[in-house]
N, C-alpha and C. Protein backbone atom coordinates (compact mmCIF):
# COMPACT_ATOMS: atom_id res chain seq x y z
N MET A 1 -0.65 8.59 -15.29
CA MET A 1 -1.62 7.58 -15.56
C MET A 1 -0.90 6.24 -15.67
N SER A 2 -1.36 5.30 -14.92
CA SER A 2 -0.72 3.99 -14.87
C SER A 2 -0.91 3.21 -16.16
N GLU A 3 0.13 2.48 -16.52
CA GLU A 3 0.08 1.64 -17.72
C GLU A 3 0.45 0.20 -17.43
N THR A 4 0.89 -0.09 -16.24
CA THR A 4 1.46 -1.39 -15.94
C THR A 4 0.49 -2.56 -16.07
N ASN A 5 -0.77 -2.35 -15.79
CA ASN A 5 -1.76 -3.43 -15.87
C ASN A 5 -2.68 -3.30 -17.07
N GLU A 6 -2.33 -2.44 -18.00
CA GLU A 6 -3.21 -2.14 -19.10
C GLU A 6 -3.65 -3.38 -19.88
N ASP A 7 -2.77 -4.28 -20.16
CA ASP A 7 -3.11 -5.49 -20.93
C ASP A 7 -3.12 -6.74 -20.06
N LYS A 8 -3.10 -6.57 -18.74
CA LYS A 8 -3.01 -7.72 -17.83
C LYS A 8 -4.07 -7.61 -16.73
N THR A 9 -5.34 -7.48 -17.11
CA THR A 9 -6.38 -7.24 -16.13
C THR A 9 -7.16 -8.49 -15.74
N SER A 10 -6.73 -9.64 -16.18
CA SER A 10 -7.47 -10.85 -15.82
C SER A 10 -6.71 -11.70 -14.79
N GLY A 11 -5.73 -11.12 -14.16
CA GLY A 11 -4.92 -11.85 -13.19
C GLY A 11 -5.40 -11.67 -11.76
N ASP A 12 -4.56 -12.08 -10.86
CA ASP A 12 -4.80 -11.97 -9.43
C ASP A 12 -4.66 -10.51 -8.98
N PHE A 13 -5.53 -10.07 -8.08
CA PHE A 13 -5.47 -8.68 -7.62
C PHE A 13 -4.15 -8.36 -6.93
N ARG A 14 -3.61 -9.32 -6.21
CA ARG A 14 -2.32 -9.06 -5.54
C ARG A 14 -1.21 -8.84 -6.56
N GLU A 15 -1.23 -9.60 -7.66
CA GLU A 15 -0.22 -9.43 -8.71
C GLU A 15 -0.38 -8.06 -9.38
N MET A 16 -1.62 -7.71 -9.69
CA MET A 16 -1.85 -6.40 -10.31
C MET A 16 -1.48 -5.28 -9.35
N GLY A 17 -1.79 -5.46 -8.06
CA GLY A 17 -1.42 -4.48 -7.06
C GLY A 17 0.08 -4.35 -6.93
N SER A 18 0.77 -5.47 -7.00
CA SER A 18 2.23 -5.46 -6.91
C SER A 18 2.84 -4.73 -8.10
N ARG A 19 2.32 -4.98 -9.29
CA ARG A 19 2.83 -4.27 -10.48
C ARG A 19 2.57 -2.77 -10.36
N LEU A 20 1.39 -2.40 -9.89
CA LEU A 20 1.09 -0.97 -9.71
C LEU A 20 1.99 -0.36 -8.64
N ALA A 21 2.22 -1.08 -7.56
CA ALA A 21 3.10 -0.58 -6.49
C ALA A 21 4.50 -0.32 -7.03
N GLN A 22 5.03 -1.24 -7.83
CA GLN A 22 6.36 -1.04 -8.40
C GLN A 22 6.39 0.16 -9.34
N GLU A 23 5.31 0.35 -10.09
CA GLU A 23 5.23 1.50 -10.98
C GLU A 23 5.20 2.80 -10.18
N VAL A 24 4.46 2.82 -9.10
CA VAL A 24 4.36 4.02 -8.25
C VAL A 24 5.72 4.32 -7.61
N ILE A 25 6.38 3.30 -7.09
CA ILE A 25 7.70 3.50 -6.46
C ILE A 25 8.69 4.03 -7.48
N SER A 26 8.69 3.47 -8.68
CA SER A 26 9.59 3.94 -9.74
C SER A 26 9.29 5.39 -10.10
N PHE A 27 8.02 5.74 -10.20
CA PHE A 27 7.61 7.11 -10.52
C PHE A 27 8.10 8.08 -9.44
N LEU A 28 7.90 7.71 -8.19
CA LEU A 28 8.30 8.59 -7.09
C LEU A 28 9.82 8.76 -7.02
N LYS A 29 10.56 7.68 -7.27
CA LYS A 29 12.02 7.78 -7.27
C LYS A 29 12.50 8.73 -8.35
N LYS A 30 11.90 8.65 -9.55
CA LYS A 30 12.28 9.56 -10.63
C LYS A 30 11.99 11.00 -10.25
N LYS A 31 10.82 11.24 -9.67
CA LYS A 31 10.46 12.60 -9.27
C LYS A 31 11.39 13.12 -8.18
N MET A 32 11.72 12.27 -7.22
CA MET A 32 12.61 12.69 -6.14
C MET A 32 14.02 12.96 -6.65
N ASP A 33 14.51 12.13 -7.57
CA ASP A 33 15.83 12.34 -8.14
C ASP A 33 15.89 13.67 -8.89
N LYS A 34 14.87 13.92 -9.69
CA LYS A 34 14.83 15.17 -10.45
C LYS A 34 14.74 16.36 -9.52
N ALA A 35 13.90 16.28 -8.50
CA ALA A 35 13.73 17.38 -7.57
C ALA A 35 15.01 17.64 -6.78
N SER A 36 15.73 16.59 -6.42
CA SER A 36 16.96 16.79 -5.64
C SER A 36 18.07 17.39 -6.51
N ARG A 37 18.09 17.06 -7.80
CA ARG A 37 19.09 17.66 -8.70
C ARG A 37 18.83 19.15 -8.90
N VAL A 38 17.57 19.51 -8.98
CA VAL A 38 17.21 20.91 -9.20
C VAL A 38 17.25 21.68 -7.89
N GLY A 39 17.19 20.97 -6.77
CA GLY A 39 17.19 21.64 -5.48
C GLY A 39 15.81 22.12 -5.08
N ASN A 40 14.81 21.46 -5.60
CA ASN A 40 13.44 21.88 -5.35
C ASN A 40 12.65 20.73 -4.70
N LEU A 41 13.24 20.13 -3.70
CA LEU A 41 12.62 18.99 -3.04
C LEU A 41 11.65 19.49 -1.97
N LYS A 42 10.37 19.38 -2.26
CA LYS A 42 9.32 19.80 -1.33
C LYS A 42 8.45 18.57 -1.02
N ASP A 43 7.42 18.82 -0.27
CA ASP A 43 6.45 17.75 -0.04
C ASP A 43 5.79 17.38 -1.35
N MET A 44 5.71 16.09 -1.59
CA MET A 44 5.03 15.61 -2.78
C MET A 44 3.71 14.99 -2.38
N LYS A 45 2.72 15.21 -3.20
CA LYS A 45 1.41 14.62 -2.97
C LYS A 45 1.10 13.69 -4.13
N LEU A 46 0.46 12.61 -3.81
CA LEU A 46 0.11 11.62 -4.82
C LEU A 46 -1.34 11.24 -4.60
N SER A 47 -2.11 11.32 -5.65
CA SER A 47 -3.53 10.97 -5.56
C SER A 47 -3.82 9.79 -6.47
N PHE A 48 -4.74 8.97 -6.05
CA PHE A 48 -5.17 7.83 -6.84
C PHE A 48 -6.65 8.00 -7.16
N VAL A 49 -7.01 7.77 -8.39
CA VAL A 49 -8.40 7.79 -8.81
C VAL A 49 -8.66 6.48 -9.52
N GLY A 50 -9.63 5.76 -9.05
CA GLY A 50 -9.95 4.48 -9.66
C GLY A 50 -11.44 4.30 -9.80
N HIS A 51 -11.80 3.33 -10.57
CA HIS A 51 -13.21 3.02 -10.77
C HIS A 51 -13.39 1.51 -10.67
N SER A 52 -14.32 1.10 -9.88
CA SER A 52 -14.71 -0.30 -9.77
C SER A 52 -13.51 -1.18 -9.39
N ILE A 53 -13.14 -2.10 -10.24
CA ILE A 53 -12.05 -3.04 -9.91
C ILE A 53 -10.73 -2.29 -9.74
N GLY A 54 -10.59 -1.16 -10.42
CA GLY A 54 -9.37 -0.35 -10.27
C GLY A 54 -9.13 0.05 -8.83
N ASN A 55 -10.20 0.30 -8.08
CA ASN A 55 -10.04 0.65 -6.67
C ASN A 55 -9.47 -0.52 -5.86
N LEU A 56 -9.85 -1.73 -6.21
CA LEU A 56 -9.29 -2.91 -5.53
C LEU A 56 -7.80 -3.05 -5.83
N ILE A 57 -7.43 -2.78 -7.06
CA ILE A 57 -6.02 -2.85 -7.44
C ILE A 57 -5.23 -1.77 -6.70
N ILE A 58 -5.79 -0.57 -6.59
CA ILE A 58 -5.12 0.51 -5.86
C ILE A 58 -4.93 0.11 -4.40
N ARG A 59 -5.96 -0.46 -3.79
CA ARG A 59 -5.84 -0.88 -2.39
C ARG A 59 -4.77 -1.96 -2.22
N ALA A 60 -4.73 -2.90 -3.16
CA ALA A 60 -3.70 -3.94 -3.10
C ALA A 60 -2.31 -3.34 -3.26
N ALA A 61 -2.19 -2.35 -4.14
CA ALA A 61 -0.89 -1.68 -4.35
C ALA A 61 -0.45 -0.95 -3.10
N LEU A 62 -1.37 -0.22 -2.48
CA LEU A 62 -1.01 0.53 -1.27
C LEU A 62 -0.63 -0.41 -0.13
N ALA A 63 -1.31 -1.54 -0.04
CA ALA A 63 -0.94 -2.52 0.98
C ALA A 63 0.46 -3.06 0.71
N GLY A 64 0.78 -3.28 -0.57
CA GLY A 64 2.12 -3.76 -0.93
C GLY A 64 3.20 -2.76 -0.67
N ILE A 65 2.92 -1.48 -0.97
CA ILE A 65 3.89 -0.42 -0.70
C ILE A 65 4.12 -0.28 0.80
N TYR A 66 3.04 -0.35 1.56
CA TYR A 66 3.13 -0.19 3.02
C TYR A 66 4.02 -1.28 3.64
N THR A 67 3.92 -2.50 3.14
CA THR A 67 4.72 -3.59 3.72
C THR A 67 6.19 -3.50 3.32
N GLN A 68 6.50 -2.71 2.27
CA GLN A 68 7.89 -2.57 1.85
C GLN A 68 8.66 -1.57 2.69
N PHE A 69 7.96 -0.71 3.41
CA PHE A 69 8.65 0.33 4.20
C PHE A 69 8.54 0.08 5.67
């Protein structure tokens, strides 16, 4: 469950999306590091569930992640 925008919801959607994108990237890196140490690196799936404005933030985050790779 994301916490990065919890107290910062009155800003620009791109900024909130960027913060969420960084949180997602950090989360995935931690999971991949742990999985590689244990030797259990499989396909990972990530789901997003949002409501109302949260969906716009998710879309902004995914657009930001996409441009980083």
